[in-house]
C-alpha atoms as a PDB file:
ATOM      1  CA  MET A   1      11.750  35.476 -16.078  1.00  0.00           C
ATOM      2  CA  THR A   2      11.521  31.653 -16.266  1.00  0.00           C
ATOM      3  CA  THR A   3       8.940  29.720 -14.282  1.00  0.00           C
ATOM      4  CA  PRO A   4      10.799  26.754 -12.431  1.00  0.00           C
ATOM      5  CA  THR A   5       9.953  23.472 -13.485  1.00  0.00           C
ATOM      6  CA  PRO A   6       7.945  21.734 -10.770  1.00  0.00           C
ATOM      7  CA  VAL A   7      10.126  18.683  -9.292  1.00  0.00           C
ATOM      8  CA  ALA A   8       8.425  15.372  -8.709  1.00  0.00           C
ATOM      9  CA  SER A   9       8.715  14.211  -5.251  1.00  0.00           C
ATOM     10  CA  PRO A  10      10.245  10.786  -4.782  1.00  0.00           C
ATOM     11  CA  GLY A  11       6.733   9.074  -3.971  1.00  0.00           C
ATOM     12  CA  GLN A  12       5.351  10.594  -7.421  1.00  0.00           C
ATOM     13  CA  GLU A  13       8.157   9.296  -9.153  1.00  0.00           C
ATOM     14  CA  ALA A  14       8.070   5.925  -7.396  1.00  0.00           C
ATOM     15  CA  ARG A  15       4.348   5.706  -8.103  1.00  0.00           C
ATOM     16  CA  SER A  16       4.782   6.763 -11.688  1.00  0.00           C
ATOM     17  CA  LEU A  17       7.934   3.997 -12.117  1.00  0.00           C
ATOM     18  CA  LEU A  18       5.447   1.294 -10.379  1.00  0.00           C
ATOM     19  CA  LYS A  19       2.761   2.209 -12.801  1.00  0.00           C
ATOM     20  CA  SER A  20       4.948   1.727 -15.698  1.00  0.00           C
ATOM     21  CA  PHE A  21       6.088  -1.655 -13.958  1.00  0.00           C
ATOM     22  CA  GLN A  22       2.329  -2.668 -13.921  1.00  0.00           C
ATOM     23  CA  GLU A  23       1.889  -2.099 -17.440  1.00  0.00           C
ATOM     24  CA  LYS A  24       5.314  -3.622 -18.803  1.00  0.00           C
ATOM     25  CA  TYR A  25       5.176  -6.663 -16.745  1.00  0.00           C
ATOM     26  CA  PRO A  26       2.513  -9.045 -15.839  1.00  0.00           C
ATOM     27  CA  VAL A  27       3.742 -10.003 -12.817  1.00  0.00           C
ATOM     28  CA  PHE A  28       3.286  -6.595 -11.320  1.00  0.00           C
ATOM     29  CA  ARG A  29      -0.302  -6.241 -13.081  1.00  0.00           C
ATOM     30  CA  GLU A  30      -1.417  -9.619 -11.748  1.00  0.00           C
ATOM     31  CA  PHE A  31       0.185  -9.010  -8.130  1.00  0.00           C
ATOM     32  CA  LYS A  32       2.207 -12.187  -8.384  1.00  0.00           C
ATOM     33  CA  PRO A  33       4.852 -12.771  -5.846  1.00  0.00           C
ATOM     34  CA  LEU A  34       7.878 -11.456  -6.991  1.00  0.00           C
ATOM     35  CA  ALA A  35      11.139 -13.300  -7.043  1.00  0.00           C
ATOM     36  CA  ILE A  36      13.940 -12.550  -4.547  1.00  0.00           C
ATOM     37  CA  GLY A  37      16.300 -10.125  -6.443  1.00  0.00           C
ATOM     38  CA  ILE A  38      13.679  -8.607  -8.611  1.00  0.00           C
ATOM     39  CA  ASP A  39      15.436  -5.390  -8.305  1.00  0.00           C
ATOM     40  CA  LYS A  40      18.406  -6.809 -10.261  1.00  0.00           C
ATOM     41  CA  GLN A  41      16.429  -8.020 -12.763  1.00  0.00           C
ATOM     42  CA  LEU A  42      14.764  -4.481 -13.235  1.00  0.00           C
ATOM     43  CA  LEU A  43      18.219  -3.004 -13.093  1.00  0.00           C
ATOM     44  CA  ALA A  44      19.241  -5.080 -15.711  1.00  0.00           C
ATOM     45  CA  GLN A  45      16.479  -4.203 -17.818  1.00  0.00           C
ATOM     46  CA  ASP A  46      17.177  -0.411 -17.565  1.00  0.00           C
ATOM     47  CA  ALA A  47      20.233   0.602 -15.945  1.00  0.00           C
ATOM     48  CA  GLY A  48      19.002   4.164 -15.934  1.00  0.00           C
ATOM     49  CA  LEU A  49      16.727   3.660 -13.028  1.00  0.00           C
ATOM     50  CA  SER A  50      17.404   5.270  -9.379  1.00  0.00           C
ATOM     51  CA  ARG A  51      17.805   2.842  -6.900  1.00  0.00           C
ATOM     52  CA  LYS A  52      15.921   4.977  -4.393  1.00  0.00           C
ATOM     53  CA  THR A  53      13.049   5.009  -6.708  1.00  0.00           C
ATOM     54  CA  LEU A  54      13.004   1.544  -7.792  1.00  0.00           C
ATOM     55  CA  ARG A  55      13.337   0.571  -3.766  1.00  0.00           C
ATOM     56  CA  LEU A  56      10.432   2.812  -3.216  1.00  0.00           C
ATOM     57  CA  ALA A  57       8.464   1.526  -5.997  1.00  0.00           C
ATOM     58  CA  LEU A  58       8.823  -1.991  -5.079  1.00  0.00           C
ATOM     59  CA  GLY A  59       7.895  -1.062  -1.533  1.00  0.00           C
ATOM     60  CA  MET A  60       4.688   0.191  -2.327  1.00  0.00           C
ATOM     61  CA  HIS A  61       3.999  -2.618  -4.617  1.00  0.00           C
ATOM     62  CA  THR A  62       5.010  -5.068  -1.980  1.00  0.00           C
ATOM     63  CA  ASN A  63       3.330  -3.514   0.807  1.00  0.00           C
ATOM     64  CA  SER A  64      -0.084  -3.435  -1.312  1.00  0.00           C
ATOM     65  CA  PHE A  65      -3.084  -5.188   0.058  1.00  0.00           C
ATOM     66  CA  ARG A  66      -3.394  -7.352  -3.359  1.00  0.00           C
ATOM     67  CA  TYR A  67       0.367  -8.170  -3.216  1.00  0.00           C
ATOM     68  CA  LEU A  68       0.072  -9.160   0.605  1.00  0.00           C
ATOM     69  CA  LYS A  69      -3.285 -11.254  -0.182  1.00  0.00           C
ATOM     70  CA  ALA A  70      -1.277 -12.886  -2.985  1.00  0.00           C
ATOM     71  CA  MET A  71       1.580 -13.557  -0.826  1.00  0.00           C
ATOM     72  CA  GLU A  72      -0.525 -15.051   2.201  1.00  0.00           C
ATOM     73  CA  LYS A  73      -1.311 -18.167  -0.330  1.00  0.00           C
ATOM     74  CA  ALA A  74       1.056 -18.055  -2.435  1.00  0.00           C
ATOM     75  CA  ASP A  75       3.351 -21.378  -3.018  1.00  0.00           C
ATOM     76  CA  GLN A  76       5.596 -19.871  -5.856  1.00  0.00           C
ATOM     77  CA  ARG A  77       7.498 -16.550  -6.640  1.00  0.00           C
ATOM     78  CA  PHE A  78       8.113 -15.072 -10.154  1.00  0.00           C
ATOM     79  CA  ASN A  79      10.750 -13.726 -12.219  1.00  0.00           C
ATOM     80  CA  LEU A  80      10.105 -10.244 -14.380  1.00  0.00           C
ATOM     81  CA  ASP A  81       9.038 -12.754 -17.382  1.00  0.00           C
ATOM     82  CA  GLY A  82       6.528 -14.609 -15.931  1.00  0.00           C
ATOM     83  CA  THR A  83       9.108 -17.857 -15.178  1.00  0.00           C
ATOM     84  CA  PRO A  84       9.183 -19.390 -11.673  1.00  0.00           C
ATOM     85  CA  GLY A  85      11.401 -17.653  -9.250  1.00  0.00           C
ATOM     86  CA  GLY A  86      11.454 -19.718  -6.260  1.00  0.00           C
ATOM     87  CA  GLU A  87       9.351 -21.305  -3.706  1.00  0.00           C
ATOM     88  CA  VAL A  88       7.410 -19.033  -0.786  1.00  0.00           C
ATOM     89  CA  PRO A  89       8.497 -20.196   2.356  1.00  0.00           C
ATOM     90  CA  GLU A  90       6.229 -20.502   5.043  1.00  0.00           C
ATOM     91  CA  GLU A  91       7.569 -17.915   7.068  1.00  0.00           C
ATOM     92  CA  HIS A  92       6.781 -15.246   4.269  1.00  0.00           C
ATOM     93  CA  ARG A  93       3.405 -16.244   3.720  1.00  0.00           C
ATOM     94  CA  ARG A  94       2.804 -16.180   7.743  1.00  0.00           C
ATOM     95  CA  HIS A  95       4.418 -12.547   7.515  1.00  0.00           C
ATOM     96  CA  ALA A  96       2.035 -11.406   4.929  1.00  0.00           C
ATOM     97  CA  ALA A  97      -0.667 -12.936   6.919  1.00  0.00           C
ATOM     98  CA  ASP A  98       0.312 -10.976  10.190  1.00  0.00           C
ATOM     99  CA  ILE A  99       0.706  -7.494   8.195  1.00  0.00           C
ATOM    100  CA  LEU A 100      -2.927  -7.905   6.930  1.00  0.00           C
ATOM    101  CA  ARG A 101      -4.360  -8.884  10.097  1.00  0.00           C
ATOM    102  CA  GLU A 102      -2.570  -5.822  12.037  1.00  0.00           C
ATOM    103  CA  ARG A 103      -3.867  -3.625   9.305  1.00  0.00           C
ATOM    104  CA  PHE A 104      -7.395  -5.176   9.543  1.00  0.00           C
ATOM    105  CA  ARG A 105      -7.162  -4.661  13.416  1.00  0.00           C
ATOM    106  CA  LYS A 106      -5.733  -0.976  13.101  1.00  0.00           C
ATOM    107  CA  GLU A 107      -8.528  -0.228  10.495  1.00  0.00           C
ATOM    108  CA  ALA A 108     -11.262  -1.385  12.848  1.00  0.00           C
ATOM    109  CA  GLU A 109     -10.074   0.563  15.978  1.00  0.00           C
ATOM    110  CA  ARG A 110      -9.749   3.459  13.400  1.00  0.00           C
ATOM    111  CA  ARG A 111     -13.669   2.908  12.731  1.00  0.00           C
ATOM    112  CA  LYS A 112     -14.548   2.153  16.187  1.00  0.00           C
ATOM    113  CA  ALA A 113     -12.991   5.537  17.442  1.00  0.00           C
ATOM    114  CA  GLU A 114     -14.604   7.498  14.607  1.00  0.00           C
ATOM    115  CA  LYS A 115     -17.778   6.048  15.521  1.00  0.00           C
ATOM    116  CA  GLU A 116     -17.328   6.716  19.297  1.00  0.00           C
ATOM    117  CA  ALA A 117     -16.186  10.461  18.329  1.00  0.00           C
ATOM    118  CA  GLU A 118     -19.202  10.893  16.189  1.00  0.00           C
ATOM    119  CA  THR A 119     -21.732   9.476  19.016  1.00  0.00           C
ATOM    120  CA  ALA A 120     -20.088  11.847  21.621  1.00  0.00           C
ATOM    121  CA  GLU A 121     -20.362  14.741  18.856  1.00  0.00           C
ATOM    122  CA  ARG A 122     -24.340  13.863  18.626  1.00  0.00           C
ATOM    123  CA  GLN A 123     -24.540  13.735  22.305  1.00  0.00           C
ATOM    124  CA  ARG A 124     -22.861  17.121  22.787  1.00  0.00           C
ATOM    125  CA  ALA A 125     -25.350  18.422  20.050  1.00  0.00           C
ATOM    126  CA  GLU A 126     -28.240  17.119  21.846  1.00  0.00           C
ATOM    127  CA  LYS A 127     -27.448  18.387  25.188  1.00  0.00           C
ATOM    128  CA  LEU A 128     -26.931  21.767  23.886  1.00  0.00           C
ATOM    129  CA  ASN A 129     -29.950  21.862  22.033  1.00  0.00           C
ATOM    130  CA  GLN A 130     -32.014  21.012  25.319  1.00  0.00           C
ATOM    131  CA  LEU A 131     -30.010  23.691  26.890  1.00  0.00           C
ATOM    132  CA  VAL A 132     -31.140  26.053  24.025  1.00  0.00           C
ATOM    133  CA  GLN A 133     -34.451  24.581  24.632  1.00  0.00           C
ATOM    134  CA  LYS A 134     -35.038  25.310  28.348  1.00  0.00           C
ATOM    135  CA  PHE A 135     -33.480  28.777  28.467  1.00  0.00           C
ATOM    136  CA  ALA A 136     -35.691  30.114  25.664  1.00  0.00           C
ATOM    137  CA  LYS A 137     -38.507  29.876  27.534  1.00  0.00           C
END
């Protein structure tokens, strides 16, 4: 009886592909803004790439905090070889800034809710402790 080979999930495959891009291409490693159509450049380098996995890997990269921070301040996009690949329009910089601002807002809300839940739990535990002491007499 043979043991089935575990199949990597699309997300795992995309993370692995992204890691290989970061090892191979400085523009990925340095989180430089990518040229529009970078997917076509990558497919030209390796025609065997799965378009779905490529799309997922590029999405992970371009939605990362470091990439968005770079886009927020960038004037230039870059090709795989590091050459300029076009200007970054103000609209794209603003979009990156908006995404970052929204993420920070959500994270602040999450931390606040977490802190409130901890405080409420601490108060419940204190009340319970007071009741235990009152009726233990």
